[in-house]
């Protein structure tokens, strides 16, 4: 079965996010003073072949832990769903 995973990797809330701070200031300077606490992260989408959704989730979790995030500075969350194929 083929699955699709959407992964978000974000800086830990306790850490300073210089990119987010710069975007917040730019928004304020452009009249959006009501915007606060912008955080900038990474969004990754991947397709994965697996026997089941549980197996796909296990592989995605392993990839996140080993390759996609730095646990000292970032957290991650993901979803896995069956890839819908369209036949016409």
PDB file of N, CA and C in Angstrom:
ATOM      1  N   UNK A   1       0.838  -1.171   0.000  1.00  0.00           N
ATOM      2  CA  UNK A   1       0.000   0.000   0.000  1.00  0.00           C
ATOM      3  C   UNK A   1       0.887   1.239   0.000  1.00  0.00           C
ATOM      4  N   UNK A   2       0.379   2.276  -0.589  1.00  0.00           N
ATOM      5  CA  UNK A   2       1.135   3.526  -0.640  1.00  0.00           C
ATOM      6  C   UNK A   2       0.459   4.546   0.283  1.00  0.00           C
ATOM      7  N   UNK A   3       1.294   5.244   1.040  1.00  0.00           N
ATOM      8  CA  UNK A   3       0.817   6.244   1.993  1.00  0.00           C
ATOM      9  C   UNK A   3       1.508   7.572   1.708  1.00  0.00           C
ATOM     10  N   UNK A   4       0.885   8.631   2.196  1.00  0.00           N
ATOM     11  CA  UNK A   4       1.495   9.965   2.116  1.00  0.00           C
ATOM     12  C   UNK A   4       1.622  10.488   3.541  1.00  0.00           C
ATOM     13  N   UNK A   5       2.729  11.135   3.808  1.00  0.00           N
ATOM     14  CA  UNK A   5       2.965  11.705   5.132  1.00  0.00           C
ATOM     15  C   UNK A   5       3.285  13.180   5.005  1.00  0.00           C
ATOM     16  N   UNK A   6       2.662  13.967   5.860  1.00  0.00           N
ATOM     17  CA  UNK A   6       2.969  15.390   6.003  1.00  0.00           C
ATOM     18  C   UNK A   6       3.656  15.561   7.346  1.00  0.00           C
ATOM     19  N   UNK A   7       4.855  16.125   7.306  1.00  0.00           N
ATOM     20  CA  UNK A   7       5.687  16.264   8.500  1.00  0.00           C
ATOM     21  C   UNK A   7       5.974  17.742   8.723  1.00  0.00           C
ATOM     22  N   UNK A   8       5.789  18.190   9.963  1.00  0.00           N
ATOM     23  CA  UNK A   8       6.152  19.552  10.344  1.00  0.00           C
ATOM     24  C   UNK A   8       7.252  19.494  11.385  1.00  0.00           C
ATOM     25  N   UNK A   9       8.345  20.191  11.110  1.00  0.00           N
ATOM     26  CA  UNK A   9       9.476  20.297  12.031  1.00  0.00           C
ATOM     27  C   UNK A   9       9.550  21.767  12.437  1.00  0.00           C
ATOM     28  N   UNK A  10       9.436  22.006  13.747  1.00  0.00           N
ATOM     29  CA  UNK A  10       9.393  23.382  14.252  1.00  0.00           C
ATOM     30  C   UNK A  10      10.422  23.582  15.360  1.00  0.00           C
ATOM     31  N   UNK A  11      10.927  24.815  15.493  1.00  0.00           N
ATOM     32  CA  UNK A  11      11.827  25.098  16.611  1.00  0.00           C
ATOM     33  C   UNK A  11      11.072  24.910  17.931  1.00  0.00           C
ATOM     34  N   UNK A  12      11.766  24.435  18.942  1.00  0.00           N
ATOM     35  CA  UNK A  12      11.152  24.302  20.262  1.00  0.00           C
ATOM     36  C   UNK A  12      10.693  25.666  20.757  1.00  0.00           C
ATOM     37  N   UNK A  13       9.555  25.693  21.420  1.00  0.00           N
ATOM     38  CA  UNK A  13       8.983  26.970  21.875  1.00  0.00           C
ATOM     39  C   UNK A  13       9.904  27.703  22.842  1.00  0.00           C
ATOM     40  N   UNK A  14      10.715  26.977  23.588  1.00  0.00           N
ATOM     41  CA  UNK A  14      11.610  27.600  24.561  1.00  0.00           C
ATOM     42  C   UNK A  14      12.794  28.303  23.910  1.00  0.00           C
ATOM     43  N   UNK A  15      13.035  28.054  22.625  1.00  0.00           N
ATOM     44  CA  UNK A  15      14.192  28.623  21.948  1.00  0.00           C
ATOM     45  C   UNK A  15      13.805  29.835  21.110  1.00  0.00           C
ATOM     46  N   UNK A  16      14.736  30.741  20.973  1.00  0.00           N
ATOM     47  CA  UNK A  16      14.557  31.901  20.115  1.00  0.00           C
ATOM     48  C   UNK A  16      14.471  31.448  18.665  1.00  0.00           C
ATOM     49  N   UNK A  17      13.557  32.048  17.914  1.00  0.00           N
ATOM     50  CA  UNK A  17      13.407  31.756  16.490  1.00  0.00           C
ATOM     51  C   UNK A  17      13.706  33.042  15.720  1.00  0.00           C
ATOM     52  N   UNK A  18      14.980  33.255  15.316  1.00  0.00           N
ATOM     53  CA  UNK A  18      15.355  34.502  14.662  1.00  0.00           C
ATOM     54  C   UNK A  18      14.562  34.773  13.377  1.00  0.00           C
ATOM     55  N   UNK A  19      14.287  33.739  12.590  1.00  0.00           N
ATOM     56  CA  UNK A  19      13.499  33.947  11.368  1.00  0.00           C
ATOM     57  C   UNK A  19      12.090  34.390  11.715  1.00  0.00           C
ATOM     58  N   UNK A  20      11.494  33.739  12.692  1.00  0.00           N
ATOM     59  CA  UNK A  20      10.145  34.114  13.117  1.00  0.00           C
ATOM     60  C   UNK A  20      10.111  35.535  13.647  1.00  0.00           C
ATOM     61  N   UNK A  21      11.131  35.914  14.393  1.00  0.00           N
ATOM     62  CA  UNK A  21      11.213  37.276  14.941  1.00  0.00           C
ATOM     63  C   UNK A  21      11.313  38.297  13.813  1.00  0.00           C
ATOM     64  N   UNK A  22      12.120  37.988  12.794  1.00  0.00           N
ATOM     65  CA  UNK A  22      12.262  38.906  11.653  1.00  0.00           C
ATOM     66  C   UNK A  22      10.944  39.053  10.902  1.00  0.00           C
ATOM     67  N   UNK A  23      10.224  37.952  10.711  1.00  0.00           N
ATOM     68  CA  UNK A  23       8.932  38.029  10.024  1.00  0.00           C
ATOM     69  C   UNK A  23       7.928  38.816  10.874  1.00  0.00           C
ATOM     70  N   UNK A  24       7.943  38.604  12.183  1.00  0.00           N
ATOM     71  CA  UNK A  24       7.051  39.356  13.073  1.00  0.00           C
ATOM     72  C   UNK A  24       7.305  40.859  12.938  1.00  0.00           C
ATOM     73  N   UNK A  25       8.576  41.247  12.947  1.00  0.00           N
ATOM     74  CA  UNK A  25       8.915  42.679  12.828  1.00  0.00           C
ATOM     75  C   UNK A  25       8.482  43.232  11.472  1.00  0.00           C
ATOM     76  N   UNK A  26       8.693  42.472  10.408  1.00  0.00           N
ATOM     77  CA  UNK A  26       8.276  42.913   9.076  1.00  0.00           C
ATOM     78  C   UNK A  26       6.765  43.095   9.020  1.00  0.00           C
ATOM     79  N   UNK A  27       6.033  42.164   9.606  1.00  0.00           N
ATOM     80  CA  UNK A  27       4.576  42.297   9.644  1.00  0.00           C
ATOM     81  C   UNK A  27       4.164  43.554  10.412  1.00  0.00           C
ATOM     82  N   UNK A  28       4.783  43.783  11.558  1.00  0.00           N
ATOM     83  CA  UNK A  28       4.480  44.991  12.339  1.00  0.00           C
ATOM     84  C   UNK A  28       4.769  46.253  11.525  1.00  0.00           C
ATOM     85  N   UNK A  29       5.895  46.263  10.828  1.00  0.00           N
ATOM     86  CA  UNK A  29       6.271  47.426  10.028  1.00  0.00           C
ATOM     87  C   UNK A  29       5.341  47.648   8.832  1.00  0.00           C
ATOM     88  N   UNK A  30       4.572  46.644   8.484  1.00  0.00           N
ATOM     89  CA  UNK A  30       3.643  46.755   7.354  1.00  0.00           C
ATOM     90  C   UNK A  30       2.189  46.823   7.804  1.00  0.00           C
ATOM     91  N   UNK A  31       1.982  47.222   9.051  1.00  0.00           N
ATOM     92  CA  UNK A  31       0.632  47.487   9.520  1.00  0.00           C
ATOM     93  C   UNK A  31      -0.095  46.307  10.151  1.00  0.00           C
ATOM     94  N   UNK A  32       0.605  45.235  10.446  1.00  0.00           N
ATOM     95  CA  UNK A  32      -0.035  44.070  11.061  1.00  0.00           C
ATOM     96  C   UNK A  32       0.422  43.915  12.505  1.00  0.00           C
ATOM     97  N   UNK A  33       0.184  44.940  13.309  1.00  0.00           N
ATOM     98  CA  UNK A  33       0.659  44.965  14.691  1.00  0.00           C
ATOM     99  C   UNK A  33       0.008  43.887  15.553  1.00  0.00           C
ATOM    100  N   UNK A  34      -1.121  43.346  15.110  1.00  0.00           N
ATOM    101  CA  UNK A  34      -1.828  42.339  15.901  1.00  0.00           C
ATOM    102  C   UNK A  34      -1.202  40.943  15.794  1.00  0.00           C
ATOM    103  N   UNK A  35      -0.236  40.768  14.904  1.00  0.00           N
ATOM    104  CA  UNK A  35       0.415  39.476  14.722  1.00  0.00           C
ATOM    105  C   UNK A  35       1.572  39.343  15.702  1.00  0.00           C
ATOM    106  N   UNK A  36       1.623  38.219  16.410  1.00  0.00           N
ATOM    107  CA  UNK A  36       2.678  37.970  17.393  1.00  0.00           C
ATOM    108  C   UNK A  36       3.179  36.537  17.266  1.00  0.00           C
ATOM    109  N   UNK A  37       4.369  36.302  17.785  1.00  0.00           N
ATOM    110  CA  UNK A  37       4.928  34.960  17.953  1.00  0.00           C
ATOM    111  C   UNK A  37       4.941  34.119  16.682  1.00  0.00           C
ATOM    112  N   UNK A  38       5.430  34.669  15.596  1.00  0.00           N
ATOM    113  CA  UNK A  38       5.584  33.906  14.357  1.00  0.00           C
ATOM    114  C   UNK A  38       6.719  32.907  14.551  1.00  0.00           C
ATOM    115  N   UNK A  39       6.492  31.674  14.147  1.00  0.00           N
ATOM    116  CA  UNK A  39       7.513  30.630  14.206  1.00  0.00           C
ATOM    117  C   UNK A  39       7.709  30.089  12.798  1.00  0.00           C
ATOM    118  N   UNK A  40       8.935  29.917  12.388  1.00  0.00           N
ATOM    119  CA  UNK A  40       9.260  29.423  11.056  1.00  0.00           C
ATOM    120  C   UNK A  40       9.840  28.011  11.199  1.00  0.00           C
ATOM    121  N   UNK A  41       9.309  27.089  10.420  1.00  0.00           N
ATOM    122  CA  UNK A  41       9.777  25.714  10.468  1.00  0.00           C
ATOM    123  C   UNK A  41       9.876  25.123   9.075  1.00  0.00           C
ATOM    124  N   UNK A  42       9.874  23.804   9.028  1.00  0.00           N
ATOM    125  CA  UNK A  42       9.961  23.083   7.757  1.00  0.00           C
ATOM    126  C   UNK A  42       8.722  22.205   7.610  1.00  0.00           C
ATOM    127  N   UNK A  43       8.227  22.111   6.385  1.00  0.00           N
ATOM    128  CA  UNK A  43       7.139  21.185   6.067  1.00  0.00           C
ATOM    129  C   UNK A  43       7.662  20.220   5.017  1.00  0.00           C
ATOM    130  N   UNK A  44       7.547  18.932   5.305  1.00  0.00           N
ATOM    131  CA  UNK A  44       8.042  17.893   4.399  1.00  0.00           C
ATOM    132  C   UNK A  44       6.880  16.970   4.063  1.00  0.00           C
ATOM    133  N   UNK A  45       6.723  16.667   2.795  1.00  0.00           N
ATOM    134  CA  UNK A  45       5.731  15.687   2.353  1.00  0.00           C
ATOM    135  C   UNK A  45       6.472  14.559   1.668  1.00  0.00           C
ATOM    136  N   UNK A  46       6.115  13.327   2.004  1.00  0.00           N
ATOM    137  CA  UNK A  46       6.745  12.195   1.340  1.00  0.00           C
ATOM    138  C   UNK A  46       5.728  11.080   1.135  1.00  0.00           C
ATOM    139  N   UNK A  47       5.984  10.281   0.111  1.00  0.00           N
ATOM    140  CA  UNK A  47       5.186   9.093  -0.150  1.00  0.00           C
ATOM    141  C   UNK A  47       5.993   7.888   0.299  1.00  0.00           C
ATOM    142  N   UNK A  48       5.300   6.918   0.863  1.00  0.00           N
ATOM    143  CA  UNK A  48       5.993   5.765   1.422  1.00  0.00           C
ATOM    144  C   UNK A  48       5.198   4.490   1.126  1.00  0.00           C
ATOM    145  N   UNK A  49       5.907   3.464   0.730  1.00  0.00           N
ATOM    146  CA  UNK A  49       5.308   2.153   0.499  1.00  0.00           C
ATOM    147  C   UNK A  49       5.444   1.360   1.790  1.00  0.00           C
ATOM    148  N   UNK A  50       4.318   0.823   2.290  1.00  0.00           N
ATOM    149  CA  UNK A  50       4.347   0.055   3.532  1.00  0.00           C
ATOM    150  C   UNK A  50       3.199  -0.944   3.542  1.00  0.00           C
ATOM    151  N   UNK A  51       3.325  -1.955   4.391  1.00  0.00           N
ATOM    152  CA  UNK A  51       2.311  -3.001   4.483  1.00  0.00           C
ATOM    153  C   UNK A  51       1.025  -2.509   5.142  1.00  0.00           C
ATOM    154  N   UNK A  52       1.150  -1.517   6.046  1.00  0.00           N
ATOM    155  CA  UNK A  52      -0.008  -1.005   6.785  1.00  0.00           C
ATOM    156  C   UNK A  52       0.265   0.432   7.203  1.00  0.00           C
ATOM    157  N   UNK A  53      -0.786   1.095   7.687  1.00  0.00           N
ATOM    158  CA  UNK A  53      -0.619   2.464   8.187  1.00  0.00           C
ATOM    159  C   UNK A  53       0.323   2.472   9.388  1.00  0.00           C
ATOM    160  N   UNK A  54       0.190   1.483  10.272  1.00  0.00           N
ATOM    161  CA  UNK A  54       1.082   1.410  11.435  1.00  0.00           C
ATOM    162  C   UNK A  54       2.545   1.287  11.014  1.00  0.00           C
ATOM    163  N   UNK A  55       2.799   0.457  10.000  1.00  0.00           N
ATOM    164  CA  UNK A  55       4.175   0.287   9.507  1.00  0.00           C
ATOM    165  C   UNK A  55       4.684   1.584   8.886  1.00  0.00           C
ATOM    166  N   UNK A  56       3.812   2.283   8.151  1.00  0.00           N
ATOM    167  CA  UNK A  56       4.208   3.566   7.554  1.00  0.00           C
ATOM    168  C   UNK A  56       4.529   4.585   8.637  1.00  0.00           C
ATOM    169  N   UNK A  57       3.684   4.644   9.671  1.00  0.00           N
ATOM    170  CA  UNK A  57       3.928   5.583  10.775  1.00  0.00           C
ATOM    171  C   UNK A  57       5.250   5.272  11.473  1.00  0.00           C
ATOM    172  N   UNK A  58       5.539   4.002  11.659  1.00  0.00           N
ATOM    173  CA  UNK A  58       6.803   3.612  12.297  1.00  0.00           C
ATOM    174  C   UNK A  58       8.001   4.080  11.467  1.00  0.00           C
ATOM    175  N   UNK A  59       7.924   3.905  10.141  1.00  0.00           N
ATOM    176  CA  UNK A  59       9.019   4.339   9.268  1.00  0.00           C
ATOM    177  C   UNK A  59       9.172   5.861   9.284  1.00  0.00           C
ATOM    178  N   UNK A  60       8.053   6.572   9.228  1.00  0.00           N
ATOM    179  CA  UNK A  60       8.119   8.043   9.237  1.00  0.00           C
ATOM    180  C   UNK A  60       8.704   8.533  10.562  1.00  0.00           C
ATOM    181  N   UNK A  61       8.281   7.944  11.674  1.00  0.00           N
ATOM    182  CA  UNK A  61       8.817   8.335  12.986  1.00  0.00           C
ATOM    183  C   UNK A  61      10.333   8.117  13.025  1.00  0.00           C
ATOM    184  N   UNK A  62      10.783   6.983  12.513  1.00  0.00           N
ATOM    185  CA  UNK A  62      12.216   6.688  12.476  1.00  0.00           C
ATOM    186  C   UNK A  62      12.971   7.712  11.630  1.00  0.00           C
ATOM    187  N   UNK A  63      12.410   8.070  10.475  1.00  0.00           N
ATOM    188  CA  UNK A  63      13.031   9.070   9.597  1.00  0.00           C
ATOM    189  C   UNK A  63      13.128  10.419  10.304  1.00  0.00           C
ATOM    190  N   UNK A  64      12.051  10.793  10.998  1.00  0.00           N
ATOM    191  CA  UNK A  64      12.056  12.075  11.718  1.00  0.00           C
ATOM    192  C   UNK A  64      13.144  12.084  12.787  1.00  0.00           C
ATOM    193  N   UNK A  65      13.205  10.996  13.554  1.00  0.00           N
ATOM    194  CA  UNK A  65      14.171  10.920  14.653  1.00  0.00           C
ATOM    195  C   UNK A  65      15.603  10.900  14.132  1.00  0.00           C
ATOM    196  N   UNK A  66      15.846  10.109  13.093  1.00  0.00           N
ATOM    197  CA  UNK A  66      17.221   9.917  12.615  1.00  0.00           C
ATOM    198  C   UNK A  66      17.718  11.023  11.696  1.00  0.00           C
ATOM    199  N   UNK A  67      16.812  11.627  10.908  1.00  0.00           N
ATOM    200  CA  UNK A  67      17.283  12.498   9.835  1.00  0.00           C
ATOM    201  C   UNK A  67      16.664  13.893   9.765  1.00  0.00           C
ATOM    202  N   UNK A  68      15.412  14.054  10.109  1.00  0.00           N
ATOM    203  CA  UNK A  68      14.724  15.301   9.773  1.00  0.00           C
ATOM    204  C   UNK A  68      14.693  16.363  10.867  1.00  0.00           C
ATOM    205  N   UNK A  69      14.963  15.980  12.101  1.00  0.00           N
ATOM    206  CA  UNK A  69      14.909  17.002  13.146  1.00  0.00           C
ATOM    207  C   UNK A  69      16.091  16.875  14.097  1.00  0.00           C
ATOM    208  N   UNK A  70      16.433  17.991  14.694  1.00  0.00           N
ATOM    209  CA  UNK A  70      17.484  18.053  15.704  1.00  0.00           C
ATOM    210  C   UNK A  70      16.774  18.127  17.056  1.00  0.00           C
ATOM    211  N   UNK A  71      16.802  17.063  17.861  1.00  0.00           N
ATOM    212  CA  UNK A  71      16.028  17.051  19.102  1.00  0.00           C
ATOM    213  C   UNK A  71      16.432  18.117  20.115  1.00  0.00           C
ATOM    214  N   UNK A  72      17.608  18.669  19.980  1.00  0.00           N
ATOM    215  CA  UNK A  72      18.050  19.725  20.891  1.00  0.00           C
ATOM    216  C   UNK A  72      17.316  21.038  20.589  1.00  0.00           C
ATOM    217  N   UNK A  73      16.971  21.241  19.311  1.00  0.00           N
ATOM    218  CA  UNK A  73      16.412  22.524  18.894  1.00  0.00           C
ATOM    219  C   UNK A  73      15.005  22.443  18.299  1.00  0.00           C
ATOM    220  N   UNK A  74      14.565  21.241  17.894  1.00  0.00           N
ATOM    221  CA  UNK A  74      13.319  21.138  17.138  1.00  0.00           C
ATOM    222  C   UNK A  74      12.435  20.002  17.650  1.00  0.00           C
ATOM    223  N   UNK A  75      11.150  20.175  17.430  1.00  0.00           N
ATOM    224  CA  UNK A  75      10.185  19.115  17.642  1.00  0.00           C
ATOM    225  C   UNK A  75       9.553  18.791  16.303  1.00  0.00           C
ATOM    226  N   UNK A  76       8.804  17.703  16.249  1.00  0.00           N
ATOM    227  CA  UNK A  76       8.153  17.333  15.000  1.00  0.00           C
ATOM    228  C   UNK A  76       6.795  16.707  15.278  1.00  0.00           C
ATOM    229  N   UNK A  77       5.948  16.775  14.281  1.00  0.00           N
ATOM    230  CA  UNK A  77       4.684  16.056  14.292  1.00  0.00           C
ATOM    231  C   UNK A  77       4.379  15.661  12.863  1.00  0.00           C
ATOM    232  N   UNK A  78       3.594  14.600  12.697  1.00  0.00           N
ATOM    233  CA  UNK A  78       3.302  14.144  11.347  1.00  0.00           C
ATOM    234  C   UNK A  78       1.952  13.450  11.285  1.00  0.00           C
ATOM    235  N   UNK A  79       1.444  13.368  10.072  1.00  0.00           N
ATOM    236  CA  UNK A  79       0.257  12.579   9.786  1.00  0.00           C
ATOM    237  C   UNK A  79       0.608  11.605   8.668  1.00  0.00           C
ATOM    238  N   UNK A  80      -0.070  10.492   8.658  1.00  0.00           N
ATOM    239  CA  UNK A  80       0.081   9.495   7.596  1.00  0.00           C
ATOM    240  C   UNK A  80      -1.317   9.105   7.148  1.00  0.00           C
ATOM    241  N   UNK A  81      -1.539   9.117   5.852  1.00  0.00           N
ATOM    242  CA  UNK A  81      -2.829   8.680   5.320  1.00  0.00           C
ATOM    243  C   UNK A  81      -2.602   7.899   4.038  1.00  0.00           C
ATOM    244  N   UNK A  82      -3.552   7.047   3.732  1.00  0.00           N
ATOM    245  CA  UNK A  82      -3.439   6.234   2.535  1.00  0.00           C
ATOM    246  C   UNK A  82      -3.517   7.145   1.314  1.00  0.00           C
ATOM    247  N   UNK A  83      -2.610   6.925   0.380  1.00  0.00           N
ATOM    248  CA  UNK A  83      -2.569   7.730  -0.849  1.00  0.00           C
ATOM    249  C   UNK A  83      -3.734   7.313  -1.719  1.00  0.00           C
ATOM    250  N   UNK A  84      -4.545   8.264  -2.081  1.00  0.00           N
ATOM    251  CA  UNK A  84      -5.701   7.998  -2.939  1.00  0.00           C
ATOM    252  C   UNK A  84      -5.261   8.064  -4.382  1.00  0.00           C
ATOM    253  N   UNK A  85      -5.486   6.986  -5.107  1.00  0.00           N
ATOM    254  CA  UNK A  85      -5.166   6.981  -6.529  1.00  0.00           C
ATOM    255  C   UNK A  85      -6.457   7.165  -7.307  1.00  0.00           C
ATOM    256  N   UNK A  86      -6.367   7.957  -8.340  1.00  0.00           N
ATOM    257  CA  UNK A  86      -7.541   8.249  -9.178  1.00  0.00           C
ATOM    258  C   UNK A  86      -7.445   7.436 -10.445  1.00  0.00           C
ATOM    259  N   UNK A  87      -8.472   6.708 -10.704  1.00  0.00           N
ATOM    260  CA  UNK A  87      -8.533   5.977 -11.976  1.00  0.00           C
ATOM    261  C   UNK A  87      -9.669   6.552 -12.800  1.00  0.00           C
ATOM    262  N   UNK A  88      -9.454   6.671 -14.058  1.00  0.00           N
ATOM    263  CA  UNK A  88     -10.448   7.340 -14.864  1.00  0.00           C
ATOM    264  C   UNK A  88     -10.853   6.597 -16.001  1.00  0.00           C
TER     265      UNK A  88
END
